[in-house]
Full PDB file with SEQRES, HELIX, SHEET, SSBOND, CRYST1, ORIGX, SCALE, CONECT and MASTER records, all heavy atoms in Angstrom:
SEQRES   1 A   32  ALA VAL TYR TYR CYS ALA ALA ASP LEU TYR PRO SER VAL          
SEQRES   2 A   32  THR THR PRO THR GLN SER ARG TYR ASP TYR ASP TYR TRP          
SEQRES   3 A   32  GLY GLN GLY THR GLN VAL                                      
HELIX    1 AA1 ARG A   20  ASP A   22  5                                   3    
SHEET    1 AA1 2 VAL A   2  TYR A   3  0                                        
SHEET    2 AA1 2 THR A  30  GLN A  31 -1                                        
SHEET    1 AA2 2 ALA A   6  ALA A   7  0                                        
SHEET    2 AA2 2 TYR A  25  TRP A  26 -1                                        
CRYST1    1.000    1.000    1.000  90.00  90.00  90.00 P 1           1          
ORIGX1      1.000000  0.000000  0.000000        0.00000                         
ORIGX2      0.000000  1.000000  0.000000        0.00000                         
ORIGX3      0.000000  0.000000  1.000000        0.00000                         
SCALE1      1.000000  0.000000  0.000000        0.00000                         
SCALE2      0.000000  1.000000  0.000000        0.00000                         
SCALE3      0.000000  0.000000  1.000000        0.00000                         
ATOM      1  N   ALA A   1     230.781 209.293 200.709  1.00  0.00           N  
ATOM      2  CA  ALA A   1     230.551 208.376 199.582  1.00  0.00           C  
ATOM      3  C   ALA A   1     230.890 206.961 200.026  1.00  0.00           C  
ATOM      4  O   ALA A   1     231.482 206.754 201.093  1.00  0.00           O  
ATOM      5  CB  ALA A   1     231.428 208.757 198.396  1.00  0.00           C  
ATOM      6  N   VAL A   2     230.542 206.008 199.174  1.00  0.00           N  
ATOM      7  CA  VAL A   2     231.069 204.658 199.306  1.00  0.00           C  
ATOM      8  C   VAL A   2     232.379 204.625 198.516  1.00  0.00           C  
ATOM      9  O   VAL A   2     232.409 205.027 197.354  1.00  0.00           O  
ATOM     10  CB  VAL A   2     230.095 203.602 198.777  1.00  0.00           C  
ATOM     11  CG1 VAL A   2     230.719 202.215 198.871  1.00  0.00           C  
ATOM     12  CG2 VAL A   2     228.780 203.652 199.552  1.00  0.00           C  
ATOM     13  N   TYR A   3     233.436 204.162 199.168  1.00  0.00           N  
ATOM     14  CA  TYR A   3     234.748 204.110 198.544  1.00  0.00           C  
ATOM     15  C   TYR A   3     235.066 202.671 198.132  1.00  0.00           C  
ATOM     16  O   TYR A   3     234.915 201.747 198.928  1.00  0.00           O  
ATOM     17  CB  TYR A   3     235.807 204.628 199.511  1.00  0.00           C  
ATOM     18  CG  TYR A   3     235.800 206.138 199.606  1.00  0.00           C  
ATOM     19  CD1 TYR A   3     234.762 206.809 200.248  1.00  0.00           C  
ATOM     20  CD2 TYR A   3     236.814 206.910 199.040  1.00  0.00           C  
ATOM     21  CE1 TYR A   3     234.730 208.199 200.329  1.00  0.00           C  
ATOM     22  CE2 TYR A   3     236.800 208.293 199.118  1.00  0.00           C  
ATOM     23  CZ  TYR A   3     235.752 208.928 199.758  1.00  0.00           C  
ATOM     24  OH  TYR A   3     235.734 210.300 199.828  1.00  0.00           O  
ATOM     25  N   TYR A   4     235.517 202.534 196.895  1.00  0.00           N  
ATOM     26  CA  TYR A   4     235.829 201.229 196.328  1.00  0.00           C  
ATOM     27  C   TYR A   4     237.297 201.169 195.915  1.00  0.00           C  
ATOM     28  O   TYR A   4     237.801 202.117 195.309  1.00  0.00           O  
ATOM     29  CB  TYR A   4     234.993 200.964 195.079  1.00  0.00           C  
ATOM     30  CG  TYR A   4     233.503 200.947 195.292  1.00  0.00           C  
ATOM     31  CD1 TYR A   4     232.751 202.110 195.186  1.00  0.00           C  
ATOM     32  CD2 TYR A   4     232.838 199.756 195.576  1.00  0.00           C  
ATOM     33  CE1 TYR A   4     231.384 202.095 195.369  1.00  0.00           C  
ATOM     34  CE2 TYR A   4     231.462 199.732 195.771  1.00  0.00           C  
ATOM     35  CZ  TYR A   4     230.747 200.911 195.664  1.00  0.00           C  
ATOM     36  OH  TYR A   4     229.393 200.890 195.849  1.00  0.00           O  
ATOM     37  N   CYS A   5     237.949 200.062 196.206  1.00  0.00           N  
ATOM     38  CA  CYS A   5     239.260 199.849 195.609  1.00  0.00           C  
ATOM     39  C   CYS A   5     239.078 198.989 194.364  1.00  0.00           C  
ATOM     40  O   CYS A   5     238.124 198.214 194.259  1.00  0.00           O  
ATOM     41  CB  CYS A   5     240.241 199.219 196.584  1.00  0.00           C  
ATOM     42  SG  CYS A   5     239.867 197.539 197.085  1.00  0.00           S  
ATOM     43  N   ALA A   6     240.001 199.149 193.426  1.00  0.00           N  
ATOM     44  CA  ALA A   6     239.905 198.464 192.145  1.00  0.00           C  
ATOM     45  C   ALA A   6     241.289 198.098 191.652  1.00  0.00           C  
ATOM     46  O   ALA A   6     242.273 198.776 191.968  1.00  0.00           O  
ATOM     47  CB  ALA A   6     239.206 199.357 191.125  1.00  0.00           C  
ATOM     48  N   ALA A   7     241.351 197.033 190.850  1.00  0.00           N  
ATOM     49  CA  ALA A   7     242.619 196.547 190.329  1.00  0.00           C  
ATOM     50  C   ALA A   7     242.563 196.456 188.804  1.00  0.00           C  
ATOM     51  O   ALA A   7     241.598 195.939 188.243  1.00  0.00           O  
ATOM     52  CB  ALA A   7     242.942 195.184 190.924  1.00  0.00           C  
ATOM     53  N   ASP A   8     243.616 196.937 188.176  1.00  0.00           N  
ATOM     54  CA  ASP A   8     243.799 196.827 186.725  1.00  0.00           C  
ATOM     55  C   ASP A   8     244.845 195.742 186.492  1.00  0.00           C  
ATOM     56  O   ASP A   8     246.046 195.996 186.538  1.00  0.00           O  
ATOM     57  CB  ASP A   8     244.271 198.173 186.174  1.00  0.00           C  
ATOM     58  CG  ASP A   8     244.567 198.129 184.680  1.00  0.00           C  
ATOM     59  OD1 ASP A   8     244.336 197.083 184.048  1.00  0.00           O  
ATOM     60  OD2 ASP A   8     245.037 199.152 184.159  1.00  0.00           O  
ATOM     61  N   LEU A   9     244.368 194.524 186.249  1.00  0.00           N  
ATOM     62  CA  LEU A   9     245.268 193.376 186.204  1.00  0.00           C  
ATOM     63  C   LEU A   9     246.135 193.320 184.962  1.00  0.00           C  
ATOM     64  O   LEU A   9     247.175 192.647 184.975  1.00  0.00           O  
ATOM     65  CB  LEU A   9     244.463 192.075 186.303  1.00  0.00           C  
ATOM     66  CG  LEU A   9     244.432 191.417 187.680  1.00  0.00           C  
ATOM     67  CD1 LEU A   9     243.872 192.360 188.714  1.00  0.00           C  
ATOM     68  CD2 LEU A   9     243.670 190.117 187.645  1.00  0.00           C  
ATOM     69  N   TYR A  10     245.715 193.950 183.901  1.00  0.00           N  
ATOM     70  CA  TYR A  10     246.443 193.855 182.639  1.00  0.00           C  
ATOM     71  C   TYR A  10     246.733 195.243 182.100  1.00  0.00           C  
ATOM     72  O   TYR A  10     246.261 195.613 181.026  1.00  0.00           O  
ATOM     73  CB  TYR A  10     245.643 193.028 181.643  1.00  0.00           C  
ATOM     74  CG  TYR A  10     245.242 191.683 182.192  1.00  0.00           C  
ATOM     75  CD1 TYR A  10     243.941 191.451 182.641  1.00  0.00           C  
ATOM     76  CD2 TYR A  10     246.161 190.651 182.300  1.00  0.00           C  
ATOM     77  CE1 TYR A  10     243.578 190.227 183.154  1.00  0.00           C  
ATOM     78  CE2 TYR A  10     245.801 189.415 182.825  1.00  0.00           C  
ATOM     79  CZ  TYR A  10     244.513 189.212 183.248  1.00  0.00           C  
ATOM     80  OH  TYR A  10     244.145 188.001 183.767  1.00  0.00           O  
ATOM     81  N   PRO A  11     247.515 196.014 182.837  1.00  0.00           N  
ATOM     82  CA  PRO A  11     247.783 197.385 182.381  1.00  0.00           C  
ATOM     83  C   PRO A  11     248.579 197.399 181.087  1.00  0.00           C  
ATOM     84  O   PRO A  11     249.534 196.638 180.929  1.00  0.00           O  
ATOM     85  CB  PRO A  11     248.579 197.983 183.544  1.00  0.00           C  
ATOM     86  CG  PRO A  11     249.207 196.813 184.217  1.00  0.00           C  
ATOM     87  CD  PRO A  11     248.228 195.702 184.075  1.00  0.00           C  
ATOM     88  N   SER A  12     248.159 198.248 180.178  1.00  0.00           N  
ATOM     89  CA  SER A  12     248.859 198.342 178.899  1.00  0.00           C  
ATOM     90  C   SER A  12     249.912 199.438 178.913  1.00  0.00           C  
ATOM     91  O   SER A  12     250.737 199.517 178.011  1.00  0.00           O  
ATOM     92  CB  SER A  12     247.849 198.616 177.781  1.00  0.00           C  
ATOM     93  OG  SER A  12     247.125 199.811 178.064  1.00  0.00           O  
ATOM     94  N   VAL A  13     249.874 200.264 179.968  1.00  0.00           N  
ATOM     95  CA  VAL A  13     250.856 201.329 180.102  1.00  0.00           C  
ATOM     96  C   VAL A  13     251.379 201.332 181.536  1.00  0.00           C  
ATOM     97  O   VAL A  13     250.765 200.761 182.433  1.00  0.00           O  
ATOM     98  CB  VAL A  13     250.239 202.707 179.762  1.00  0.00           C  
ATOM     99  CG1 VAL A  13     249.877 202.764 178.292  1.00  0.00           C  
ATOM    100  CG2 VAL A  13     249.011 202.972 180.624  1.00  0.00           C  
ATOM    101  N   THR A  14     252.514 201.991 181.735  1.00  0.00           N  
ATOM    102  CA  THR A  14     253.127 202.001 183.059  1.00  0.00           C  
ATOM    103  C   THR A  14     252.404 202.939 184.017  1.00  0.00           C  
ATOM    104  O   THR A  14     252.528 202.797 185.227  1.00  0.00           O  
ATOM    105  CB  THR A  14     254.601 202.408 182.969  1.00  0.00           C  
ATOM    106  OG1 THR A  14     254.689 203.682 182.323  1.00  0.00           O  
ATOM    107  CG2 THR A  14     255.391 201.389 182.185  1.00  0.00           C  
ATOM    108  N   THR A  15     251.651 203.901 183.454  1.00  0.00           N  
ATOM    109  CA  THR A  15     250.928 204.860 184.282  1.00  0.00           C  
ATOM    110  C   THR A  15     249.495 204.391 184.489  1.00  0.00           C  
ATOM    111  O   THR A  15     248.809 204.090 183.518  1.00  0.00           O  
ATOM    112  CB  THR A  15     250.914 206.247 183.623  1.00  0.00           C  
ATOM    113  OG1 THR A  15     252.261 206.687 183.432  1.00  0.00           O  
ATOM    114  CG2 THR A  15     250.174 207.254 184.490  1.00  0.00           C  
ATOM    115  N   PRO A  16     249.011 204.337 185.737  1.00  0.00           N  
ATOM    116  CA  PRO A  16     247.619 203.931 185.954  1.00  0.00           C  
ATOM    117  C   PRO A  16     246.657 204.956 185.371  1.00  0.00           C  
ATOM    118  O   PRO A  16     247.003 206.131 185.204  1.00  0.00           O  
ATOM    119  CB  PRO A  16     247.507 203.874 187.481  1.00  0.00           C  
ATOM    120  CG  PRO A  16     248.597 204.744 187.989  1.00  0.00           C  
ATOM    121  CD  PRO A  16     249.698 204.641 186.990  1.00  0.00           C  
ATOM    122  N   THR A  17     245.445 204.496 185.066  1.00  0.00           N  
ATOM    123  CA  THR A  17     244.473 205.387 184.450  1.00  0.00           C  
ATOM    124  C   THR A  17     243.416 205.835 185.444  1.00  0.00           C  
ATOM    125  O   THR A  17     243.280 205.279 186.530  1.00  0.00           O  
ATOM    126  CB  THR A  17     243.780 204.702 183.259  1.00  0.00           C  
ATOM    127  OG1 THR A  17     242.846 203.736 183.757  1.00  0.00           O  
ATOM    128  CG2 THR A  17     244.786 204.032 182.356  1.00  0.00           C  
ATOM    129  N   GLN A  18     242.630 206.826 185.027  1.00  0.00           N  
ATOM    130  CA  GLN A  18     241.551 207.330 185.850  1.00  0.00           C  
ATOM    131  C   GLN A  18     240.191 206.776 185.433  1.00  0.00           C  
ATOM    132  O   GLN A  18     239.185 207.093 186.070  1.00  0.00           O  
ATOM    133  CB  GLN A  18     241.513 208.857 185.792  1.00  0.00           C  
ATOM    134  CG  GLN A  18     242.799 209.514 186.264  1.00  0.00           C  
ATOM    135  CD  GLN A  18     242.693 211.023 186.299  1.00  0.00           C  
ATOM    136  OE1 GLN A  18     241.603 211.583 186.360  1.00  0.00           O  
ATOM    137  NE2 GLN A  18     243.832 211.701 186.249  1.00  0.00           N  
ATOM    138  N   SER A  19     240.170 205.976 184.392  1.00  0.00           N  
ATOM    139  CA  SER A  19     238.909 205.455 183.886  1.00  0.00           C  
ATOM    140  C   SER A  19     238.501 204.177 184.608  1.00  0.00           C  
ATOM    141  O   SER A  19     239.271 203.216 184.656  1.00  0.00           O  
ATOM    142  CB  SER A  19     239.017 205.154 182.397  1.00  0.00           C  
ATOM    143  OG  SER A  19     237.862 204.484 181.950  1.00  0.00           O  
ATOM    144  N   ARG A  20     237.290 204.162 185.108  1.00  0.00           N  
ATOM    145  CA  ARG A  20     236.831 202.977 185.829  1.00  0.00           C  
ATOM    146  C   ARG A  20     236.722 201.773 184.899  1.00  0.00           C  
ATOM    147  O   ARG A  20     236.767 200.631 185.365  1.00  0.00           O  
ATOM    148  CB  ARG A  20     235.475 203.250 186.474  1.00  0.00           C  
ATOM    149  CG  ARG A  20     234.385 203.629 185.502  1.00  0.00           C  
ATOM    150  CD  ARG A  20     233.097 203.920 186.228  1.00  0.00           C  
ATOM    151  NE  ARG A  20     232.062 204.414 185.316  1.00  0.00           N  
ATOM    152  CZ  ARG A  20     230.793 204.540 185.639  1.00  0.00           C  
ATOM    153  NH1 ARG A  20     230.390 204.208 186.853  1.00  0.00           N  
ATOM    154  NH2 ARG A  20     229.926 205.001 184.783  1.00  0.00           N  
ATOM    155  N   TYR A  21     236.628 202.009 183.615  1.00  0.00           N  
ATOM    156  CA  TYR A  21     236.451 200.911 182.664  1.00  0.00           C  
ATOM    157  C   TYR A  21     237.755 200.135 182.456  1.00  0.00           C  
ATOM    158  O   TYR A  21     237.744 199.050 181.862  1.00  0.00           O  
ATOM    159  CB  TYR A  21     235.902 201.444 181.352  1.00  0.00           C  
ATOM    160  CG  TYR A  21     234.573 202.128 181.529  1.00  0.00           C  
ATOM    161  CD1 TYR A  21     234.464 203.515 181.459  1.00  0.00           C  
ATOM    162  CD2 TYR A  21     233.424 201.396 181.823  1.00  0.00           C  
ATOM    163  CE1 TYR A  21     233.246 204.153 181.654  1.00  0.00           C  
ATOM    164  CE2 TYR A  21     232.213 202.017 182.029  1.00  0.00           C  
ATOM    165  CZ  TYR A  21     232.128 203.393 181.943  1.00  0.00           C  
ATOM    166  OH  TYR A  21     230.930 204.022 182.152  1.00  0.00           O  
ATOM    167  N   ASP A  22     238.861 200.668 182.911  1.00  0.00           N  
ATOM    168  CA  ASP A  22     240.143 199.965 182.784  1.00  0.00           C  
ATOM    169  C   ASP A  22     240.405 199.027 183.955  1.00  0.00           C  
ATOM    170  O   ASP A  22     241.389 198.284 183.934  1.00  0.00           O  
ATOM    171  CB  ASP A  22     241.279 200.988 182.700  1.00  0.00           C  
ATOM    172  CG  ASP A  22     241.285 201.713 181.358  1.00  0.00           C  
ATOM    173  OD1 ASP A  22     240.863 201.106 180.354  1.00  0.00           O  
ATOM    174  OD2 ASP A  22     241.697 202.882 181.331  1.00  0.00           O  
ATOM    175  N   TYR A  23     239.563 199.066 184.960  1.00  0.00           N  
ATOM    176  CA  TYR A  23     239.780 198.268 186.168  1.00  0.00           C  
ATOM    177  C   TYR A  23     238.891 197.037 186.132  1.00  0.00           C  
ATOM    178  O   TYR A  23     237.681 197.132 185.917  1.00  0.00           O  
ATOM    179  CB  TYR A  23     239.555 199.115 187.415  1.00  0.00           C  
ATOM    180  CG  TYR A  23     240.638 200.169 187.534  1.00  0.00           C  
ATOM    181  CD1 TYR A  23     240.535 201.388 186.876  1.00  0.00           C  
ATOM    182  CD2 TYR A  23     241.797 199.905 188.259  1.00  0.00           C  
ATOM    183  CE1 TYR A  23     241.561 202.330 186.943  1.00  0.00           C  
ATOM    184  CE2 TYR A  23     242.815 200.835 188.338  1.00  0.00           C  
ATOM    185  CZ  TYR A  23     242.688 202.046 187.666  1.00  0.00           C  
ATOM    186  OH  TYR A  23     243.705 202.971 187.728  1.00  0.00           O  
ATOM    187  N   ASP A  24     239.528 195.881 186.361  1.00  0.00           N  
ATOM    188  CA  ASP A  24     238.860 194.602 186.148  1.00  0.00           C  
ATOM    189  C   ASP A  24     238.164 194.053 187.385  1.00  0.00           C  
ATOM    190  O   ASP A  24     237.174 193.333 187.280  1.00  0.00           O  
ATOM    191  CB  ASP A  24     239.900 193.556 185.700  1.00  0.00           C  
ATOM    192  CG  ASP A  24     240.837 194.086 184.631  1.00  0.00           C  
ATOM    193  OD1 ASP A  24     240.395 194.197 183.486  1.00  0.00           O  
ATOM    194  OD2 ASP A  24     242.003 194.378 184.962  1.00  0.00           O  
ATOM    195  N   TYR A  25     238.727 194.363 188.549  1.00  0.00           N  
ATOM    196  CA  TYR A  25     238.205 193.792 189.782  1.00  0.00           C  
ATOM    197  C   TYR A  25     237.945 194.898 190.790  1.00  0.00           C  
ATOM    198  O   TYR A  25     238.708 195.874 190.873  1.00  0.00           O  
ATOM    199  CB  TYR A  25     239.188 192.762 190.356  1.00  0.00           C  
ATOM    200  CG  TYR A  25     239.269 191.523 189.502  1.00  0.00           C  
ATOM    201  CD1 TYR A  25     240.191 191.441 188.466  1.00  0.00           C  
ATOM    202  CD2 TYR A  25     238.405 190.452 189.723  1.00  0.00           C  
ATOM    203  CE1 TYR A  25     240.244 190.323 187.667  1.00  0.00           C  
ATOM    204  CE2 TYR A  25     238.460 189.328 188.919  1.00  0.00           C  
ATOM    205  CZ  TYR A  25     239.386 189.271 187.893  1.00  0.00           C  
ATOM    206  OH  TYR A  25     239.439 188.161 187.099  1.00  0.00           O  
ATOM    207  N   TRP A  26     236.886 194.685 191.559  1.00  0.00           N  
ATOM    208  CA  TRP A  26     236.436 195.698 192.502  1.00  0.00           C  
ATOM    209  C   TRP A  26     236.131 195.069 193.864  1.00  0.00           C  
ATOM    210  O   TRP A  26     235.698 193.919 193.936  1.00  0.00           O  
ATOM    211  CB  TRP A  26     235.161 196.367 191.984  1.00  0.00           C  
ATOM    212  CG  TRP A  26     235.376 197.137 190.728  1.00  0.00           C  
ATOM    213  CD1 TRP A  26     235.455 196.641 189.463  1.00  0.00           C  
ATOM    214  CD2 TRP A  26     235.558 198.545 190.613  1.00  0.00           C  
ATOM    215  NE1 TRP A  26     235.682 197.653 188.565  1.00  0.00           N  
ATOM    216  CE2 TRP A  26     235.741 198.841 189.251  1.00  0.00           C  
ATOM    217  CE3 TRP A  26     235.575 199.594 191.522  1.00  0.00           C  
ATOM    218  CZ2 TRP A  26     235.951 200.137 188.778  1.00  0.00           C  
ATOM    219  CZ3 TRP A  26     235.773 200.883 191.063  1.00  0.00           C  
ATOM    220  CH2 TRP A  26     235.956 201.147 189.705  1.00  0.00           C  
ATOM    221  N   GLY A  27     236.351 195.846 194.909  1.00  0.00           N  
ATOM    222  CA  GLY A  27     235.922 195.429 196.226  1.00  0.00           C  
ATOM    223  C   GLY A  27     234.454 195.740 196.424  1.00  0.00           C  
ATOM    224  O   GLY A  27     233.786 196.271 195.536  1.00  0.00           O  
ATOM    225  N   GLN A  28     233.967 195.432 197.623  1.00  0.00           N  
ATOM    226  CA  GLN A  28     232.550 195.603 197.907  1.00  0.00           C  
ATOM    227  C   GLN A  28     232.208 197.017 198.365  1.00  0.00           C  
ATOM    228  O   GLN A  28     231.033 197.388 198.405  1.00  0.00           O  
ATOM    229  CB  GLN A  28     232.107 194.606 198.986  1.00  0.00           C  
ATOM    230  CG  GLN A  28     232.383 195.014 200.430  1.00  0.00           C  
ATOM    231  CD  GLN A  28     233.859 194.960 200.807  1.00  0.00           C  
ATOM    232  OE1 GLN A  28     234.687 194.450 200.047  1.00  0.00           O  
ATOM    233  NE2 GLN A  28     234.197 195.466 201.969  1.00  0.00           N  
ATOM    234  N   GLY A  29     233.207 197.793 198.695  1.00  0.00           N  
ATOM    235  CA  GLY A  29     233.009 199.185 199.103  1.00  0.00           C  
ATOM    236  C   GLY A  29     232.950 199.360 200.606  1.00  0.00           C  
ATOM    237  O   GLY A  29     232.567 198.440 201.341  1.00  0.00           O  
ATOM    238  N   THR A  30     233.339 200.555 201.052  1.00  0.00           N  
ATOM    239  CA  THR A  30     233.252 200.909 202.461  1.00  0.00           C  
ATOM    240  C   THR A  30     232.717 202.333 202.563  1.00  0.00           C  
ATOM    241  O   THR A  30     233.142 203.223 201.820  1.00  0.00           O  
ATOM    242  CB  THR A  30     234.624 200.763 203.159  1.00  0.00           C  
ATOM    243  OG1 THR A  30     234.479 200.992 204.567  1.00  0.00           O  
ATOM    244  CG2 THR A  30     235.669 201.721 202.605  1.00  0.00           C  
ATOM    245  N   GLN A  31     231.773 202.540 203.467  1.00  0.00           N  
ATOM    246  CA  GLN A  31     231.093 203.830 203.574  1.00  0.00           C  
ATOM    247  C   GLN A  31     231.931 204.822 204.371  1.00  0.00           C  
ATOM    248  O   GLN A  31     232.407 204.509 205.470  1.00  0.00           O  
ATOM    249  CB  GLN A  31     229.736 203.657 204.263  1.00  0.00           C  
ATOM    250  CG  GLN A  31     228.982 204.949 204.507  1.00  0.00           C  
ATOM    251  CD  GLN A  31     228.458 205.566 203.229  1.00  0.00           C  
ATOM    252  OE1 GLN A  31     227.865 204.878 202.387  1.00  0.00           O  
ATOM    253  NE2 GLN A  31     228.659 206.874 203.064  1.00  0.00           N  
ATOM    254  N   VAL A  32     232.069 206.019 203.816  1.00  0.00           N  
ATOM    255  CA  VAL A  32     232.700 207.132 204.519  1.00  0.00           C  
ATOM    256  C   VAL A  32     231.672 208.255 204.620  1.00  0.00           C  
ATOM    257  O   VAL A  32     231.125 208.691 203.603  1.00  0.00           O  
ATOM    258  CB  VAL A  32     233.952 207.635 203.781  1.00  0.00           C  
ATOM    259  CG1 VAL A  32     234.464 208.924 204.418  1.00  0.00           C  
ATOM    260  CG2 VAL A  32     235.035 206.567 203.798  1.00  0.00           C  
TER     261      VAL A  32                                                      
MASTER        0    0    0    1    4    0    0    6  260    1    0    3          
END                                                                             
């Protein structure tokens, strides 16, 4: 797949989420 890193800049909870819609910024991706 293409792997992307993402950042949730304004987390509302201490535990990170699994939903891509909670992540505000994304990298360009790297192919694996």
